[in-house]
């Protein structure tokens, strides 16, 4: 190892520890296999589309759709078909695209029809129409190219020509549907992953969501925002990622380093910038590479600060593709935790830079936070939700100025459930809807209990409550997290008026009686005694109904039909 300046020795020790850990076996993510037979659909103005088709025809099975209308002349002698039309929509993924074509005509002047369907493995889109897919830059097998950009077109055609055969793609996100809080009984709850996915690779599927691994580009937004751990990133898994982060920071501290800033970056953007900066990178900046910057969740910020760094920076482009709104929301939450617990206003930030000088200037200009006076060294073991909880608890335990309660903005994945106990009938609809077990019923008595550390603020309890007595309060209450379940409401059970067996809650029974009393013919007048059936357990209620012989569907007696004799008698009386 070449001679190092004394102040750079701790960082080099940290990077060596990180490199040594990365050299060991890391669990490989599962893969999905995409197959392509090389069927390509080229769409665009006739001259550019046909030229692209000619360039690809010796390697791929080409079909060209020219978008100039039926008056376009098609050269003769081409080795591939050329038709007229315009692609109006597309679906599917690399190896299995399906395009809908309007104005389709096989020959000039031939019959024209809309809604024609073409299936292909690849799409070369040279048209001036909007892209067929959101976040199209990350869509495998779809090339949206300006035909006047010769260099970009040449690169796209070269890449497309090699896309024949079978290709293994990482399954970036592991999904556990039993943890999903999207919906219950057709009532919508959490939509964080749906809102975050720029690729539209996530769709509702009943009470859960479905993540299409064939479409997913691995941005990691869904895993970063999923509050239950149903969606988790696999490249690498969160415990492996935090383990690498821990090894780097602890080695830096052990070598005498202080006031470190972790600079989290990805391969495509961050690595070239950091390599260009080289030795000019400040000695207290610890570069930490991840597969995709958007995969970083709150647990990464919390763990890094708990390990004793003075700041966490996320490096992105100045104008990142598909935006960073979701990432900015994550950083905003991390900043709220850090400020409230005394880590300072500069502890968490996004750095946007395209050039090395921009990155250096930003690293120098951003204020640093206050490191923990008693940093932790906890080993990250377990799944995403458990690590999220544990890292936040540790962040609070080692904070420079810990507080018990941190208010959070609306939409945060932590908080309390507030119940208007006067209106609650303990029907337990909310318990049935709660996907995390944060709300629970009593085992021996009618009650509603709540564990705040399990609540993800999905809103299913609030939307399900028939009495509309539930509201949500986003917050991080560490005292409540560390306390046992609290009882929100408890009642004496209602005893059966015949056998005294407890069978329901007093508020529910009395509310039903109040609604029926004096307002329903079955329970008014001389039938008022039937209200006792509401006060009976299920066994006594059935017995009482059978002994009474009452048929609720019988209704009043029908009038006797009039006969000819009746009419004759009436005539005699007259």
Protein backbone atom coordinates (compact mmCIF):
# COMPACT_ATOMS: atom_id res chain seq x y z
CA UNK A 1 0.00 0.00 0.00
CA UNK A 2 1.44 3.41 -0.89
CA UNK A 3 2.18 5.93 1.84
CA UNK A 4 -0.95 7.64 3.09
CA UNK A 5 -1.37 10.96 4.79
CA UNK A 6 -2.10 10.54 8.48
CA UNK A 7 -5.58 12.06 8.23
CA UNK A 8 -6.51 9.70 5.38
CA UNK A 9 -5.48 6.52 7.16
CA UNK A 10 -8.86 5.94 8.94
CA UNK A 11 -10.76 6.19 5.65
CA UNK A 12 -8.42 3.78 3.88
CA UNK A 13 -8.82 1.36 6.77
CA UNK A 14 -12.60 1.68 6.46
CA UNK A 15 -12.56 1.10 2.71
CA UNK A 16 -10.27 -1.90 3.13
CA UNK A 17 -12.70 -3.39 5.64
CA UNK A 18 -15.57 -2.78 3.25
CA UNK A 19 -13.64 -4.33 0.36
CA UNK A 20 -12.70 -7.38 2.42
CA UNK A 21 -16.33 -7.94 3.44
CA UNK A 22 -17.55 -7.52 -0.13
CA UNK A 23 -15.07 -10.16 -1.29
CA UNK A 24 -16.82 -12.82 0.74
CA UNK A 25 -19.85 -14.66 -0.58
CA UNK A 26 -22.96 -12.53 -0.74
CA UNK A 27 -26.30 -14.20 -1.34
CA UNK A 28 -27.26 -14.07 -4.98
CA UNK A 29 -30.68 -12.62 -5.75
CA UNK A 30 -33.23 -14.81 -7.53
CA UNK A 31 -33.51 -14.30 -11.28
CA UNK A 32 -36.20 -14.32 -13.94
CA UNK A 33 -35.48 -15.42 -17.49
CA UNK A 34 -36.54 -13.29 -20.47
CA UNK A 35 -36.56 -14.90 -23.91
CA UNK A 36 -36.24 -13.09 -27.23
CA UNK A 37 -36.49 -14.59 -30.73
CA UNK A 38 -35.30 -11.30 -32.22
CA UNK A 39 -38.67 -10.15 -33.55
CA UNK A 40 -38.39 -6.37 -33.72
CA UNK A 41 -40.98 -3.74 -34.61
CA UNK A 42 -39.55 -0.51 -36.01
CA UNK A 43 -41.94 2.46 -35.95
CA UNK A 44 -41.40 5.94 -37.28
CA UNK A 45 -41.06 8.14 -40.37
CA UNK A 46 -40.54 6.07 -43.49
CA UNK A 47 -36.96 7.01 -44.37
CA UNK A 48 -35.57 6.60 -40.85
CA UNK A 49 -37.64 3.50 -40.02
CA UNK A 50 -36.74 1.69 -43.23
CA UNK A 51 -33.05 2.57 -42.82
CA UNK A 52 -33.14 1.16 -39.29
CA UNK A 53 -34.89 -1.96 -40.56
CA UNK A 54 -32.19 -2.49 -43.19
CA UNK A 55 -29.48 -2.10 -40.53
CA UNK A 56 -31.12 -4.77 -38.36
CA UNK A 57 -32.40 -7.17 -41.01
CA UNK A 58 -29.29 -9.35 -41.06
CA UNK A 59 -29.59 -10.06 -37.31
CA UNK A 60 -33.27 -9.70 -36.40
CA UNK A 61 -36.73 -10.53 -37.75
CA UNK A 62 -37.82 -7.02 -38.76
CA UNK A 63 -41.22 -5.47 -39.36
CA UNK A 64 -41.41 -1.74 -40.12
CA UNK A 65 -44.48 0.41 -39.47
CA UNK A 66 -44.17 3.74 -41.23
CA UNK A 67 -46.15 6.55 -39.71
CA UNK A 68 -46.41 8.88 -42.67
CA UNK A 69 -49.83 7.69 -43.80
CA UNK A 70 -50.92 5.89 -46.95
CA UNK A 71 -49.16 8.35 -49.31
CA UNK A 72 -45.68 7.12 -48.34
CA UNK A 73 -43.80 5.26 -51.06
CA UNK A 74 -42.28 1.98 -49.95
CA UNK A 75 -39.12 0.85 -51.79
CA UNK A 76 -39.34 -2.48 -53.54
CA UNK A 77 -37.12 -5.47 -52.89
CA UNK A 78 -36.84 -5.09 -49.12
CA UNK A 79 -36.12 -8.24 -47.12
CA UNK A 80 -38.74 -7.39 -44.53
CA UNK A 81 -42.38 -6.26 -44.53
CA UNK A 82 -43.23 -2.57 -44.38
CA UNK A 83 -46.76 -1.52 -43.45
CA UNK A 84 -48.56 1.72 -42.70
CA UNK A 85 -49.97 2.83 -39.35
CA UNK A 86 -49.17 4.32 -35.98
CA UNK A 87 -48.68 2.59 -32.64
CA UNK A 88 -51.13 4.10 -30.16
CA UNK A 89 -50.40 1.91 -27.13
CA UNK A 90 -48.21 -0.94 -26.00
CA UNK A 91 -48.02 -3.37 -23.10
CA UNK A 92 -45.87 -6.25 -21.94
CA UNK A 93 -42.13 -6.54 -21.50
CA UNK A 94 -38.94 -7.43 -23.33
CA UNK A 95 -39.60 -10.66 -25.20
CA UNK A 96 -43.38 -10.28 -25.02
CA UNK A 97 -44.52 -6.86 -26.21
CA UNK A 98 -47.98 -6.26 -27.67
CA UNK A 99 -48.64 -3.11 -29.71
CA UNK A 100 -52.00 -1.70 -30.80
CA UNK A 101 -51.85 -0.05 -34.23
CA UNK A 102 -54.39 2.38 -35.65
CA UNK A 103 -54.58 3.29 -39.33
CA UNK A 104 -53.09 -0.08 -40.20
CA UNK A 105 -52.76 -0.83 -43.93
CA UNK A 106 -50.61 -3.54 -45.44
CA UNK A 107 -50.21 -1.75 -48.76
CA UNK A 108 -50.52 1.76 -50.07
CA UNK A 109 -54.17 2.43 -50.81
CA UNK A 110 -55.20 -0.85 -49.21
CA UNK A 111 -57.96 -1.26 -46.61
CA UNK A 112 -57.31 0.61 -43.37
CA UNK A 113 -58.36 -0.52 -39.89
CA UNK A 114 -57.81 0.53 -36.31
CA UNK A 115 -57.00 -1.68 -33.36
CA UNK A 116 -54.64 -4.05 -35.17
CA UNK A 117 -52.38 -5.96 -32.76
CA UNK A 118 -48.70 -6.73 -33.36
CA UNK A 119 -46.59 -8.91 -31.04
CA UNK A 120 -42.84 -8.59 -30.88
CA UNK A 121 -39.77 -8.98 -28.66
CA UNK A 122 -38.28 -5.51 -29.24
CA UNK A 123 -39.56 -2.07 -30.22
CA UNK A 124 -37.52 0.61 -31.98
CA UNK A 125 -39.62 3.77 -31.65
CA UNK A 126 -38.40 6.55 -33.96
CA UNK A 127 -41.70 8.45 -34.04
CA UNK A 128 -42.22 11.95 -32.74
CA UNK A 129 -45.14 10.75 -30.59
CA UNK A 130 -44.79 10.46 -26.80
CA UNK A 131 -43.05 7.35 -25.48
CA UNK A 132 -45.26 4.27 -25.23
CA UNK A 133 -44.19 3.56 -21.65
CA UNK A 134 -43.52 5.61 -18.51
CA UNK A 135 -39.87 5.71 -17.43
CA UNK A 136 -39.09 4.36 -20.89
CA UNK A 137 -35.31 4.77 -20.48
CA UNK A 138 -35.35 1.82 -18.09
CA UNK A 139 -37.69 -0.38 -20.14
CA UNK A 140 -35.74 -3.40 -21.43
CA UNK A 141 -36.13 -3.94 -25.17
CA UNK A 142 -37.81 -0.59 -25.86
CA UNK A 143 -35.73 2.07 -27.62
CA UNK A 144 -37.17 5.56 -27.93
CA UNK A 145 -34.73 7.37 -30.21
CA UNK A 146 -34.66 10.69 -32.03
CA UNK A 147 -33.77 9.62 -35.59
CA UNK A 148 -31.80 12.85 -36.09
CA UNK A 149 -29.39 11.83 -33.31
CA UNK A 150 -27.15 9.59 -35.37
CA UNK A 151 -24.86 8.53 -32.53
CA UNK A 152 -27.73 7.55 -30.22
CA UNK A 153 -29.48 5.70 -33.04
CA UNK A 154 -26.32 3.76 -33.90
CA UNK A 155 -25.86 2.72 -30.26
CA UNK A 156 -29.48 1.61 -29.99
CA UNK A 157 -29.34 -0.46 -33.17
CA UNK A 158 -26.10 -2.09 -32.08
CA UNK A 159 -27.57 -3.00 -28.70
CA UNK A 160 -30.86 -4.22 -30.17
CA UNK A 161 -29.05 -6.46 -32.63
CA UNK A 162 -27.58 -8.48 -29.76
CA UNK A 163 -30.86 -9.05 -27.94
CA UNK A 164 -31.58 -12.56 -29.16
CA UNK A 165 -31.71 -15.57 -26.84
CA UNK A 166 -32.36 -16.01 -23.13
CA UNK A 167 -31.37 -13.38 -20.59
CA UNK A 168 -31.32 -13.71 -16.80
CA UNK A 169 -32.49 -10.64 -14.95
CA UNK A 170 -32.30 -10.17 -11.17
CA UNK A 171 -35.58 -10.29 -9.34
CA UNK A 172 -34.82 -7.00 -7.65
CA UNK A 173 -37.70 -7.03 -5.20
CA UNK A 174 -38.81 -9.92 -2.99
CA UNK A 175 -42.48 -9.74 -2.09
CA UNK A 176 -44.31 -11.33 0.81
CA UNK A 177 -48.05 -10.86 0.16
CA UNK A 178 -49.04 -11.86 3.70
CA UNK A 179 -47.43 -8.62 4.95
CA UNK A 180 -49.02 -6.33 2.36
CA UNK A 181 -51.33 -3.62 3.74
CA UNK A 182 -52.83 -2.53 0.42
CA UNK A 183 -56.48 -3.47 0.91
CA UNK A 184 -58.98 -5.45 2.94
CA UNK A 185 -62.53 -6.32 1.85
CA UNK A 186 -62.24 -3.99 -1.17
CA UNK A 187 -61.32 -1.05 1.07
CA UNK A 188 -58.10 0.62 -0.04
CA UNK A 189 -55.29 1.05 2.47
CA UNK A 190 -51.58 1.54 1.76
CA UNK A 191 -50.65 2.66 -1.78
CA UNK A 192 -47.06 3.76 -1.16
CA UNK A 193 -45.43 1.31 -3.57
CA UNK A 194 -48.05 1.96 -6.26
CA UNK A 195 -47.44 5.70 -5.99
CA UNK A 196 -43.65 5.27 -6.03
CA UNK A 197 -43.23 2.92 -9.01
CA UNK A 198 -42.29 4.95 -12.08
CA UNK A 199 -42.32 1.85 -14.29
CA UNK A 200 -45.94 0.95 -13.46
CA UNK A 201 -44.65 -2.54 -12.68
CA UNK A 202 -46.91 -2.75 -9.61
CA UNK A 203 -50.65 -3.27 -9.83
CA UNK A 204 -53.42 -4.00 -7.31
CA UNK A 205 -54.32 -7.67 -7.02
CA UNK A 206 -57.22 -8.01 -4.59
CA UNK A 207 -56.09 -7.33 -1.03
CA UNK A 208 -52.42 -7.16 -2.05
CA UNK A 209 -50.34 -5.84 -4.95
CA UNK A 210 -48.53 -7.69 -7.69
CA UNK A 211 -44.97 -6.78 -8.74
CA UNK A 212 -44.12 -7.75 -12.32
CA UNK A 213 -40.46 -8.81 -12.15
CA UNK A 214 -40.30 -8.83 -15.96
CA UNK A 215 -41.02 -5.09 -16.07
CA UNK A 216 -39.32 -3.99 -12.83
CA UNK A 217 -36.13 -2.02 -13.50
CA UNK A 218 -34.80 -2.34 -9.97
CA UNK A 219 -35.03 1.29 -8.87
CA UNK A 220 -35.95 0.14 -5.36
CA UNK A 221 -38.50 2.88 -4.67
CA UNK A 222 -41.13 0.35 -3.61
CA UNK A 223 -38.82 -1.42 -1.15
CA UNK A 224 -37.65 1.91 0.31
CA UNK A 225 -41.18 3.10 1.11
CA UNK A 226 -42.86 -0.21 2.03
CA UNK A 227 -43.66 0.15 5.75
CA UNK A 228 -44.43 -3.51 6.50
CA UNK A 229 -41.48 -5.16 4.80
CA UNK A 230 -43.73 -6.88 2.26
CA UNK A 231 -41.46 -5.51 -0.50
CA UNK A 232 -37.73 -5.75 0.15
CA UNK A 233 -34.71 -5.18 -2.07
CA UNK A 234 -32.55 -8.17 -2.94
CA UNK A 235 -29.45 -6.63 -4.57
CA UNK A 236 -28.28 -7.05 -1.86
CA UNK A 237 -30.70 -7.80 0.97
CA UNK A 238 -31.11 -5.09 3.58
CA UNK A 239 -29.27 -6.97 6.33
CA UNK A 240 -26.28 -7.51 4.03
CA UNK A 241 -26.29 -3.87 3.00
CA UNK A 242 -26.40 -2.63 6.59
CA UNK A 243 -23.71 -5.17 7.51
CA UNK A 244 -21.36 -3.65 4.93
CA UNK A 245 -22.19 -0.14 6.14
CA UNK A 246 -21.49 -1.19 9.72
CA UNK A 247 -18.12 -2.76 8.85
CA UNK A 248 -16.97 0.41 7.09
CA UNK A 249 -18.01 2.84 9.82
CA UNK A 250 -16.74 0.74 12.72
CA UNK A 251 -13.35 0.27 11.01
CA UNK A 252 -13.15 4.04 10.47
CA UNK A 253 -13.87 4.68 14.15
CA UNK A 254 -11.44 1.99 15.32
CA UNK A 255 -8.67 3.62 13.26
CA UNK A 256 -9.20 6.92 15.05
CA UNK A 257 -11.43 8.58 12.47
CA UNK A 258 -14.07 11.11 13.51
CA UNK A 259 -16.71 13.38 12.00
CA UNK A 260 -17.33 11.02 9.09
CA UNK A 261 -19.84 11.65 6.31
CA UNK A 262 -21.17 8.64 4.42
CA UNK A 263 -21.63 9.39 0.71
CA UNK A 264 -24.06 6.83 -0.72
CA UNK A 265 -23.86 6.50 -4.49
CA UNK A 266 -24.67 4.08 -7.29
CA UNK A 267 -22.49 2.53 -9.97
CA UNK A 268 -23.52 4.56 -13.02
CA UNK A 269 -23.50 8.07 -11.55
CA UNK A 270 -21.43 8.06 -8.39
CA UNK A 271 -18.55 5.76 -9.21
CA UNK A 272 -17.22 7.80 -12.20
CA UNK A 273 -17.46 11.04 -10.23
CA UNK A 274 -15.64 9.66 -7.20
CA UNK A 275 -12.95 8.07 -9.38
CA UNK A 276 -12.49 11.42 -11.14
CA UNK A 277 -12.09 13.23 -7.83
CA UNK A 278 -9.54 10.71 -6.59
CA UNK A 279 -7.30 11.92 -3.78
CA UNK A 280 -9.07 15.29 -3.64
CA UNK A 281 -12.04 13.66 -1.91
CA UNK A 282 -12.07 14.91 1.71
CA UNK A 283 -10.59 12.37 4.10
CA UNK A 284 -13.74 12.30 6.24
CA UNK A 285 -16.00 11.30 3.32
CA UNK A 286 -16.69 7.55 3.17
CA UNK A 287 -18.02 6.48 -0.25
CA UNK A 288 -20.58 3.68 -0.01
CA UNK A 289 -21.76 2.10 -3.26
CA UNK A 290 -25.24 0.61 -3.72
CA UNK A 291 -26.92 -0.90 -6.76
CA UNK A 292 -29.51 1.86 -7.05
CA UNK A 293 -29.67 5.05 -5.00
CA UNK A 294 -33.47 4.95 -4.73
CA UNK A 295 -33.35 1.67 -2.80
CA UNK A 296 -32.09 3.52 0.30
CA UNK A 297 -34.72 3.51 3.04
CA UNK A 298 -35.06 5.18 6.43
CA UNK A 299 -33.32 2.26 8.14
CA UNK A 300 -30.05 3.11 6.31
CA UNK A 301 -30.04 6.71 7.58
CA UNK A 302 -30.97 5.62 11.10
CA UNK A 303 -28.30 2.91 11.25
CA UNK A 304 -25.53 5.14 9.85
CA UNK A 305 -26.25 7.91 12.38
CA UNK A 306 -26.51 5.38 15.19
CA UNK A 307 -23.07 4.02 14.21
CA UNK A 308 -21.61 7.48 14.84
CA UNK A 309 -21.31 9.40 11.57
CA UNK A 310 -22.02 13.11 11.43
CA UNK A 311 -23.85 13.04 8.11
CA UNK A 312 -25.36 10.90 5.36
CA UNK A 313 -25.39 12.15 1.75
CA UNK A 314 -27.16 10.60 -1.24
CA UNK A 315 -25.57 11.38 -4.61
CA UNK A 316 -27.80 11.82 -7.68
CA UNK A 317 -27.65 13.63 -11.00
CA UNK A 318 -28.77 17.25 -11.16
CA UNK A 319 -31.65 16.17 -13.40
CA UNK A 320 -32.16 12.48 -12.58
CA UNK A 321 -34.29 10.38 -14.89
CA UNK A 322 -37.80 9.77 -13.54
CA UNK A 323 -37.23 12.22 -10.68
CA UNK A 324 -36.38 11.71 -7.03
CA UNK A 325 -39.65 12.67 -5.36
CA UNK A 326 -39.87 9.39 -3.45
CA UNK A 327 -36.23 9.59 -2.39
CA UNK A 328 -36.72 13.19 -1.28
CA UNK A 329 -39.64 12.06 0.90
CA UNK A 330 -37.46 9.43 2.56
CA UNK A 331 -34.71 11.97 3.20
CA UNK A 332 -37.31 14.37 4.59
CA UNK A 333 -38.46 11.80 7.15
CA UNK A 334 -34.87 10.97 8.08
CA UNK A 335 -34.16 14.68 8.52
CA UNK A 336 -37.18 15.05 10.82
CA UNK A 337 -35.90 12.22 13.05
CA UNK A 338 -32.35 13.57 13.06
CA UNK A 339 -33.31 17.15 13.92
CA UNK A 340 -35.71 16.13 16.67
CA UNK A 341 -33.14 13.85 18.33
CA UNK A 342 -30.28 16.36 18.27
CA UNK A 343 -28.30 15.09 15.29
CA UNK A 344 -28.58 18.53 13.68
CA UNK A 345 -30.11 20.05 10.57
CA UNK A 346 -27.29 18.91 8.29
CA UNK A 347 -27.28 15.23 9.16
CA UNK A 348 -29.17 14.00 6.07
CA UNK A 349 -29.17 15.48 2.58
CA UNK A 350 -29.30 14.80 -1.15
CA UNK A 351 -26.31 15.95 -3.22
CA UNK A 352 -27.03 16.58 -6.90
CA UNK A 353 -23.97 16.79 -9.12
CA UNK A 354 -22.92 15.94 -12.67
CA UNK A 355 -19.30 17.06 -12.46
CA UNK A 356 -16.53 16.32 -9.92
CA UNK A 357 -16.17 19.99 -8.99
CA UNK A 358 -19.91 20.24 -8.30
CA UNK A 359 -19.72 17.25 -5.98
CA UNK A 360 -16.70 18.60 -4.10
CA UNK A 361 -18.34 22.01 -3.68
CA UNK A 362 -21.54 20.46 -2.35
CA UNK A 363 -19.69 18.24 0.13
CA UNK A 364 -17.84 21.26 1.48
CA UNK A 365 -20.84 23.60 1.55
CA UNK A 366 -23.35 21.31 3.28
CA UNK A 367 -23.35 21.67 7.07
CA UNK A 368 -22.60 18.56 9.07
CA UNK A 369 -24.68 17.17 11.85
CA UNK A 370 -23.82 16.27 15.42
CA UNK A 371 -22.56 12.70 15.81
CA UNK A 372 -23.79 10.45 18.58
CA UNK A 373 -21.79 10.83 21.80
CA UNK A 374 -22.16 7.10 22.44
CA UNK A 375 -22.42 5.40 19.04
CA UNK A 376 -23.79 1.91 18.71
CA UNK A 377 -22.25 -1.14 17.06
CA UNK A 378 -25.38 -3.28 16.75
CA UNK A 379 -25.26 -6.13 14.24
CA UNK A 380 -28.05 -5.87 11.63
CA UNK A 381 -29.81 -9.23 11.57
CA UNK A 382 -33.30 -9.95 10.32
CA UNK A 383 -35.85 -8.76 7.80
CA UNK A 384 -36.63 -5.22 6.69
CA UNK A 385 -39.40 -4.28 9.13
CA UNK A 386 -37.52 -5.61 12.14
CA UNK A 387 -34.34 -3.80 11.10
CA UNK A 388 -36.29 -0.59 10.54
CA UNK A 389 -37.73 -0.74 14.05
CA UNK A 390 -34.43 -1.69 15.69
CA UNK A 391 -32.40 0.97 13.88
CA UNK A 392 -34.87 3.68 14.93
CA UNK A 393 -34.88 2.48 18.53
CA UNK A 394 -31.08 2.55 18.53
CA UNK A 395 -31.04 5.97 16.87
CA UNK A 396 -33.12 7.21 19.80
CA UNK A 397 -31.05 5.44 22.48
CA UNK A 398 -27.72 6.94 21.35
CA UNK A 399 -29.08 10.36 20.27
CA UNK A 400 -27.30 13.55 21.32
CA UNK A 401 -30.59 14.97 22.66
CA UNK A 402 -33.25 12.23 22.79
CA UNK A 403 -36.92 13.13 23.01
CA UNK A 404 -39.81 10.75 23.50
CA UNK A 405 -42.10 12.09 20.76
CA UNK A 406 -41.34 13.18 17.18
CA UNK A 407 -44.32 14.64 15.24
CA UNK A 408 -44.35 13.58 11.60
CA UNK A 409 -46.03 14.86 8.42
CA UNK A 410 -49.13 13.26 6.96
CA UNK A 411 -48.40 10.06 5.09
CA UNK A 412 -45.55 8.99 7.37
CA UNK A 413 -45.47 5.22 8.03
CA UNK A 414 -45.42 5.59 11.84
CA UNK A 415 -48.06 6.86 14.20
CA UNK A 416 -50.95 6.36 16.58
CA UNK A 417 -54.57 5.33 16.17
CA UNK A 418 -56.99 7.59 18.05
CA UNK A 419 -60.43 6.23 18.95
CA UNK A 420 -63.45 8.22 20.12
CA UNK A 421 -64.39 5.73 22.83
CA UNK A 422 -67.85 7.23 23.32
CA UNK A 423 -68.86 6.18 19.84
CA UNK A 424 -66.92 2.92 19.65
CA UNK A 425 -69.09 -0.20 19.99
CA UNK A 426 -66.16 -2.64 20.06
CA UNK A 427 -67.39 -4.28 16.88
CA UNK A 428 -63.73 -5.07 16.06
CA UNK A 429 -64.07 -4.28 12.36
CA UNK A 430 -60.80 -2.40 12.69
CA UNK A 431 -59.11 -5.43 14.24
CA UNK A 432 -60.20 -7.60 11.33
CA UNK A 433 -58.90 -5.05 8.81
CA UNK A 434 -55.55 -4.32 10.49
CA UNK A 435 -52.84 -6.05 8.41
CA UNK A 436 -50.02 -5.77 10.97
CA UNK A 437 -51.75 -6.77 14.20
CA UNK A 438 -51.34 -3.28 15.64
CA UNK A 439 -55.00 -3.43 16.71
CA UNK A 440 -56.19 -6.49 18.61
CA UNK A 441 -59.17 -7.71 20.62
CA UNK A 442 -59.17 -8.94 24.19
CA UNK A 443 -59.10 -12.66 24.83
CA UNK A 444 -61.52 -12.79 27.77
CA UNK A 445 -63.25 -9.41 27.77
CA UNK A 446 -64.61 -6.98 25.16
CA UNK A 447 -61.73 -4.58 24.53
CA UNK A 448 -59.67 -2.89 21.84
CA UNK A 449 -55.89 -2.86 22.25
CA UNK A 450 -53.15 -1.09 20.30
CA UNK A 451 -49.40 -1.50 19.78
CA UNK A 452 -47.97 1.67 18.23
CA UNK A 453 -44.70 0.14 17.07
CA UNK A 454 -46.67 -2.16 14.71
CA UNK A 455 -48.82 0.58 13.14
CA UNK A 456 -47.91 1.63 9.59
CA UNK A 457 -50.66 4.25 9.19
CA UNK A 458 -52.20 2.42 6.22
CA UNK A 459 -55.64 3.84 7.10
CA UNK A 460 -57.56 0.57 6.79
CA UNK A 461 -58.90 0.82 10.33
CA UNK A 462 -60.10 4.38 9.76
CA UNK A 463 -61.75 3.49 6.44
CA UNK A 464 -63.35 0.31 7.82
CA UNK A 465 -64.82 1.67 11.08
CA UNK A 466 -68.65 1.72 10.68
CA UNK A 467 -69.00 4.33 13.43
CA UNK A 468 -66.35 6.70 11.96
CA UNK A 469 -64.66 7.11 15.33
CA UNK A 470 -61.04 6.36 14.28
CA UNK A 471 -58.45 8.93 13.21
CA UNK A 472 -54.72 8.63 12.56
CA UNK A 473 -51.92 10.70 14.06
CA UNK A 474 -48.52 10.39 12.31
CA UNK A 475 -45.75 10.47 14.89
CA UNK A 476 -42.86 8.52 16.32
CA UNK A 477 -43.52 7.93 20.01
CA UNK A 478 -40.55 6.04 21.42
CA UNK A 479 -42.19 5.73 24.82
CA UNK A 480 -45.17 4.00 23.21
CA UNK A 481 -42.85 1.80 21.15
CA UNK A 482 -41.18 0.56 24.29
CA UNK A 483 -44.41 0.11 26.27
CA UNK A 484 -46.78 -2.87 26.24
CA UNK A 485 -49.98 -2.75 24.25
CA UNK A 486 -52.39 -0.13 25.52
CA UNK A 487 -56.11 -0.65 25.98
CA UNK A 488 -58.05 1.91 23.97
CA UNK A 489 -61.47 0.79 25.21
CA UNK A 490 -62.81 -1.92 27.48
CA UNK A 491 -66.35 -2.83 28.53
CA UNK A 492 -68.16 -5.29 30.71
CA UNK A 493 -69.68 -8.07 28.61
CA UNK A 494 -73.48 -8.04 28.27
CA UNK A 495 -75.10 -10.95 30.17
CA UNK A 496 -77.90 -12.95 28.59
CA UNK A 497 -81.21 -12.10 30.30
CA UNK A 498 -82.09 -15.81 30.50
CA UNK A 499 -78.89 -17.73 31.28
CA UNK A 500 -76.56 -14.84 32.29
CA UNK A 501 -73.92 -15.99 29.79
CA UNK A 502 -71.76 -13.06 28.56
CA UNK A 503 -72.18 -12.83 24.78
CA UNK A 504 -71.53 -9.28 23.55
CA UNK A 505 -70.65 -5.74 24.53
CA UNK A 506 -73.12 -3.60 26.43
CA UNK A 507 -72.76 -0.61 24.09
CA UNK A 508 -73.49 -2.71 21.00
CA UNK A 509 -76.58 -4.40 22.47
CA UNK A 510 -77.99 -1.15 23.81
CA UNK A 511 -77.39 0.63 20.52
CA UNK A 512 -79.24 -2.07 18.56
CA UNK A 513 -82.17 -1.95 21.01
CA UNK A 514 -82.33 1.84 20.76
CA UNK A 515 -82.54 1.64 16.96
CA UNK A 516 -85.32 -0.98 16.98
CA UNK A 517 -87.41 0.20 19.91
CA UNK A 518 -90.49 2.07 18.72
CA UNK A 519 -89.38 2.11 15.08
CA UNK A 520 -89.98 -1.43 13.79
CA UNK A 521 -93.34 -3.22 13.74
CA UNK A 522 -91.78 -6.45 15.04
CA UNK A 523 -90.72 -4.69 18.25
CA UNK A 524 -93.52 -2.17 18.92
CA UNK A 525 -96.81 -2.35 20.79
CA UNK A 526 -97.61 -5.81 22.10
CA UNK A 527 -94.51 -7.08 20.23
CA UNK A 528 -92.17 -4.97 22.38
CA UNK A 529 -91.47 -8.05 24.49
CA UNK A 530 -89.53 -9.44 21.54
CA UNK A 531 -86.73 -6.95 22.32
CA UNK A 532 -85.69 -9.48 24.93
CA UNK A 533 -84.45 -11.64 22.05
CA UNK A 534 -81.77 -9.01 21.39
CA UNK A 535 -80.73 -9.32 25.04
CA UNK A 536 -80.28 -13.09 24.77
CA UNK A 537 -77.26 -15.13 23.76
CA UNK A 538 -77.42 -17.07 20.51
CA UNK A 539 -78.65 -20.28 22.18
CA UNK A 540 -81.45 -18.71 24.18
CA UNK A 541 -82.49 -16.54 21.23
CA UNK A 542 -83.07 -19.58 19.01
CA UNK A 543 -84.95 -21.38 21.78
CA UNK A 544 -87.22 -18.39 22.40
CA UNK A 545 -88.01 -18.01 18.69
CA UNK A 546 -88.90 -21.70 18.34
CA UNK A 547 -91.14 -21.73 21.43
CA UNK A 548 -93.00 -18.62 20.35
CA UNK A 549 -93.64 -20.02 16.88
CA UNK A 550 -93.39 -16.55 15.40
CA UNK A 551 -92.96 -16.29 11.64
CA UNK A 552 -91.52 -12.85 10.75
CA UNK A 553 -92.43 -13.40 7.08
CA UNK A 554 -96.09 -14.27 7.70
CA UNK A 555 -97.42 -10.72 7.80
CA UNK A 556 -101.05 -9.80 8.52
CA UNK A 557 -103.95 -12.16 7.60
CA UNK A 558 -105.16 -11.78 4.02
CA UNK A 559 -108.81 -10.63 3.53
CA UNK A 560 -111.34 -13.32 2.56
CA UNK A 561 -112.13 -13.30 -1.17
CA UNK A 562 -115.64 -11.99 -2.02
CA UNK A 563 -118.00 -14.47 -3.65
CA UNK A 564 -121.24 -14.29 -5.65
CA UNK A 565 -123.19 -15.00 -2.45
CA UNK A 566 -121.63 -11.93 -0.85
CA UNK A 567 -122.73 -9.75 -3.74
CA UNK A 568 -126.25 -11.28 -3.64
CA UNK A 569 -126.52 -10.61 0.09
CA UNK A 570 -125.48 -7.05 -0.48
CA UNK A 571 -128.21 -6.64 -3.11
CA UNK A 572 -130.84 -8.07 -0.74
CA UNK A 573 -129.84 -5.63 1.98
CA UNK A 574 -130.16 -2.78 -0.47
